[in-house]
Amino acid sequence: MQKLQNSVRSEGWSIQVYSGDRRLILSLDASHAWLLGTGIGIGFGIALLGLRGQCQAAQPPSPGESAPLVAPFQVD
């Protein structure tokens, strides 16, 4: 039988959560954390772009223009 040269591999860290009856509930590896961080970063960037767009659209009218009055609720 051939002996393996590098039988122990180190892939970083891993978090595993088990229930009371020893069933695996959650497993979090380093690759999962990178994907989670990337998703949070992309979501934060999209939120900032959306807020910037809202701030530009909600600028008050210039002093020469009168803002039209709009009722907040239409009651019949």
N, C-alpha and C. Protein backbone atom coordinates (compact mmCIF):
# COMPACT_ATOMS: atom_id res chain seq x y z
N MET A 1 0.84 -1.17 0.00
CA MET A 1 0.00 0.00 0.00
C MET A 1 0.89 1.24 0.00
N GLN A 2 0.50 2.23 -0.81
CA GLN A 2 1.28 3.47 -0.90
C GLN A 2 0.95 4.39 0.27
N LYS A 3 1.95 5.03 0.77
CA LYS A 3 1.76 5.98 1.86
C LYS A 3 1.53 7.37 1.27
N LEU A 4 0.53 8.07 1.77
CA LEU A 4 0.25 9.43 1.30
C LEU A 4 1.28 10.39 1.86
N GLN A 5 1.73 11.32 1.02
CA GLN A 5 2.74 12.27 1.45
C GLN A 5 2.15 13.33 2.40
N ASN A 6 1.08 13.95 1.99
CA ASN A 6 0.44 14.99 2.80
C ASN A 6 -0.97 14.53 3.14
N SER A 7 -1.09 13.71 4.15
CA SER A 7 -2.40 13.18 4.48
C SER A 7 -3.25 14.18 5.27
N VAL A 8 -2.62 15.14 5.95
CA VAL A 8 -3.36 16.13 6.73
C VAL A 8 -3.38 17.44 5.96
N ARG A 9 -4.57 17.90 5.64
CA ARG A 9 -4.71 19.16 4.92
C ARG A 9 -5.28 20.21 5.86
N SER A 10 -4.73 21.38 5.79
CA SER A 10 -5.23 22.48 6.60
C SER A 10 -5.98 23.44 5.69
N GLU A 11 -7.29 23.53 5.86
CA GLU A 11 -8.10 24.39 5.03
C GLU A 11 -8.65 25.57 5.81
N GLY A 12 -8.03 25.94 6.89
CA GLY A 12 -8.51 27.09 7.65
C GLY A 12 -9.40 26.65 8.79
N TRP A 13 -10.46 27.38 9.00
CA TRP A 13 -11.33 27.13 10.13
C TRP A 13 -12.70 26.65 9.66
N SER A 14 -13.45 26.08 10.57
CA SER A 14 -14.79 25.61 10.28
C SER A 14 -15.59 25.65 11.57
N ILE A 15 -16.81 26.13 11.48
CA ILE A 15 -17.73 26.16 12.62
C ILE A 15 -18.88 25.23 12.31
N GLN A 16 -19.15 24.30 13.22
CA GLN A 16 -20.25 23.36 13.05
C GLN A 16 -21.13 23.41 14.28
N VAL A 17 -22.45 23.51 14.06
CA VAL A 17 -23.41 23.57 15.16
C VAL A 17 -24.29 22.33 15.07
N TYR A 18 -24.40 21.63 16.20
CA TYR A 18 -25.18 20.40 16.26
C TYR A 18 -26.36 20.57 17.20
N SER A 19 -27.44 19.83 16.96
CA SER A 19 -28.59 19.84 17.86
C SER A 19 -28.33 18.87 19.02
N GLY A 20 -29.29 18.76 19.92
CA GLY A 20 -29.13 17.89 21.08
C GLY A 20 -29.01 16.43 20.72
N ASP A 21 -29.61 16.01 19.60
CA ASP A 21 -29.52 14.60 19.20
C ASP A 21 -28.40 14.38 18.18
N ARG A 22 -27.42 15.25 18.18
CA ARG A 22 -26.20 15.14 17.38
C ARG A 22 -26.44 15.18 15.88
N ARG A 23 -27.40 15.97 15.46
CA ARG A 23 -27.63 16.19 14.03
C ARG A 23 -27.03 17.55 13.67
N LEU A 24 -26.38 17.60 12.54
CA LEU A 24 -25.74 18.83 12.08
C LEU A 24 -26.81 19.84 11.68
N ILE A 25 -26.76 21.01 12.31
CA ILE A 25 -27.71 22.09 12.01
C ILE A 25 -27.09 23.09 11.05
N LEU A 26 -25.84 23.49 11.32
CA LEU A 26 -25.20 24.55 10.55
C LEU A 26 -23.72 24.25 10.41
N SER A 27 -23.18 24.49 9.23
CA SER A 27 -21.75 24.35 9.00
C SER A 27 -21.28 25.60 8.28
N LEU A 28 -20.29 26.28 8.83
CA LEU A 28 -19.77 27.51 8.25
C LEU A 28 -18.27 27.35 8.04
N ASP A 29 -17.85 27.37 6.78
CA ASP A 29 -16.44 27.25 6.41
C ASP A 29 -15.91 28.62 6.02
N ALA A 30 -14.61 28.70 5.80
CA ALA A 30 -13.99 29.97 5.41
C ALA A 30 -14.53 30.45 4.07
N SER A 31 -14.79 29.54 3.15
CA SER A 31 -15.32 29.95 1.84
C SER A 31 -16.72 30.55 1.98
N HIS A 32 -17.52 30.01 2.91
CA HIS A 32 -18.84 30.57 3.15
C HIS A 32 -18.74 31.99 3.69
N ALA A 33 -17.78 32.22 4.57
CA ALA A 33 -17.61 33.54 5.15
C ALA A 33 -17.21 34.56 4.08
N TRP A 34 -16.36 34.15 3.14
CA TRP A 34 -15.99 35.05 2.05
C TRP A 34 -17.21 35.41 1.21
N LEU A 35 -18.05 34.45 0.91
CA LEU A 35 -19.25 34.72 0.13
C LEU A 35 -20.21 35.62 0.90
N LEU A 36 -20.36 35.37 2.19
CA LEU A 36 -21.23 36.21 3.02
C LEU A 36 -20.71 37.64 3.05
N GLY A 37 -19.42 37.82 3.25
CA GLY A 37 -18.83 39.16 3.27
C GLY A 37 -18.97 39.88 1.94
N THR A 38 -18.79 39.14 0.84
CA THR A 38 -18.96 39.73 -0.49
C THR A 38 -20.40 40.17 -0.70
N GLY A 39 -21.36 39.35 -0.28
CA GLY A 39 -22.77 39.71 -0.42
C GLY A 39 -23.14 40.92 0.40
N ILE A 40 -22.62 41.00 1.62
CA ILE A 40 -22.89 42.16 2.47
C ILE A 40 -22.29 43.42 1.84
N GLY A 41 -21.08 43.32 1.31
CA GLY A 41 -20.43 44.46 0.66
C GLY A 41 -21.20 44.95 -0.56
N ILE A 42 -21.64 44.02 -1.40
CA ILE A 42 -22.40 44.39 -2.60
C ILE A 42 -23.74 44.99 -2.21
N GLY A 43 -24.40 44.41 -1.21
CA GLY A 43 -25.68 44.96 -0.75
C GLY A 43 -25.53 46.36 -0.18
N PHE A 44 -24.45 46.60 0.57
CA PHE A 44 -24.19 47.92 1.12
C PHE A 44 -23.95 48.93 0.00
N GLY A 45 -23.21 48.53 -1.02
CA GLY A 45 -22.96 49.42 -2.16
C GLY A 45 -24.23 49.77 -2.90
N ILE A 46 -25.10 48.79 -3.11
CA ILE A 46 -26.38 49.04 -3.79
C ILE A 46 -27.25 49.97 -2.95
N ALA A 47 -27.26 49.77 -1.63
CA ALA A 47 -28.04 50.64 -0.76
C ALA A 47 -27.53 52.08 -0.80
N LEU A 48 -26.21 52.26 -0.83
CA LEU A 48 -25.66 53.62 -0.91
C LEU A 48 -26.02 54.29 -2.23
N LEU A 49 -25.97 53.53 -3.32
CA LEU A 49 -26.36 54.10 -4.61
C LEU A 49 -27.84 54.49 -4.61
N GLY A 50 -28.69 53.68 -3.99
CA GLY A 50 -30.11 54.00 -3.92
C GLY A 50 -30.38 55.23 -3.07
N LEU A 51 -29.67 55.36 -1.95
CA LEU A 51 -29.85 56.54 -1.11
C LEU A 51 -29.34 57.80 -1.81
N ARG A 52 -28.26 57.68 -2.54
CA ARG A 52 -27.74 58.84 -3.26
C ARG A 52 -28.73 59.29 -4.33
N GLY A 53 -29.37 58.34 -4.99
CA GLY A 53 -30.38 58.67 -6.00
C GLY A 53 -31.59 59.33 -5.39
N GLN A 54 -32.01 58.90 -4.20
CA GLN A 54 -33.15 59.51 -3.52
C GLN A 54 -32.83 60.92 -3.07
N CYS A 55 -31.63 61.15 -2.59
CA CYS A 55 -31.24 62.48 -2.13
C CYS A 55 -31.22 63.47 -3.28
N GLN A 56 -30.78 63.05 -4.45
CA GLN A 56 -30.75 63.94 -5.60
C GLN A 56 -32.15 64.24 -6.10
N ALA A 57 -33.06 63.28 -6.03
CA ALA A 57 -34.42 63.48 -6.52
C ALA A 57 -35.26 64.30 -5.54
N ALA A 58 -34.90 64.33 -4.27
CA ALA A 58 -35.72 65.00 -3.27
C ALA A 58 -35.21 66.40 -2.93
N GLN A 59 -34.47 67.04 -3.82
CA GLN A 59 -33.99 68.39 -3.54
C GLN A 59 -35.15 69.37 -3.60
N PRO A 60 -35.16 70.37 -2.72
CA PRO A 60 -36.27 71.34 -2.72
C PRO A 60 -36.24 72.20 -3.97
N PRO A 61 -37.41 72.73 -4.36
CA PRO A 61 -37.44 73.59 -5.56
C PRO A 61 -36.70 74.90 -5.31
N SER A 62 -36.28 75.51 -6.39
CA SER A 62 -35.57 76.78 -6.28
C SER A 62 -36.53 77.86 -5.79
N PRO A 63 -36.03 78.99 -5.25
CA PRO A 63 -36.91 80.03 -4.67
C PRO A 63 -37.88 80.64 -5.66
N GLY A 64 -37.59 80.65 -6.95
CA GLY A 64 -38.50 81.23 -7.93
C GLY A 64 -39.68 80.33 -8.26
N GLU A 65 -39.56 79.05 -8.00
CA GLU A 65 -40.62 78.10 -8.33
C GLU A 65 -41.48 77.84 -7.10
N SER A 66 -42.78 77.69 -7.32
CA SER A 66 -43.65 77.30 -6.21
C SER A 66 -43.93 75.81 -6.31
N ALA A 67 -43.84 75.15 -5.20
CA ALA A 67 -44.07 73.71 -5.18
C ALA A 67 -45.56 73.43 -5.26
N PRO A 68 -45.99 72.51 -6.12
CA PRO A 68 -47.42 72.19 -6.19
C PRO A 68 -47.88 71.48 -4.92
N LEU A 69 -49.07 71.82 -4.47
CA LEU A 69 -49.62 71.20 -3.28
C LEU A 69 -50.31 69.90 -3.66
N VAL A 70 -49.95 68.86 -2.98
CA VAL A 70 -50.52 67.54 -3.27
C VAL A 70 -51.07 66.98 -1.96
N ALA A 71 -52.33 66.51 -2.01
CA ALA A 71 -52.94 65.92 -0.81
C ALA A 71 -52.28 64.58 -0.53
N PRO A 72 -51.95 64.30 0.74
CA PRO A 72 -51.30 63.02 1.05
C PRO A 72 -52.23 61.84 0.85
N PHE A 73 -53.54 62.01 1.07
CA PHE A 73 -54.50 60.93 0.89
C PHE A 73 -55.66 61.44 0.07
N GLN A 74 -56.12 60.63 -0.86
CA GLN A 74 -57.29 60.99 -1.64
C GLN A 74 -58.52 60.39 -0.99
N VAL A 75 -59.42 61.25 -0.49
CA VAL A 75 -60.63 60.79 0.19
C VAL A 75 -61.81 61.09 -0.71
N ASP A 76 -62.62 60.08 -0.98
CA ASP A 76 -63.80 60.28 -1.85
C ASP A 76 -65.01 60.54 -1.01
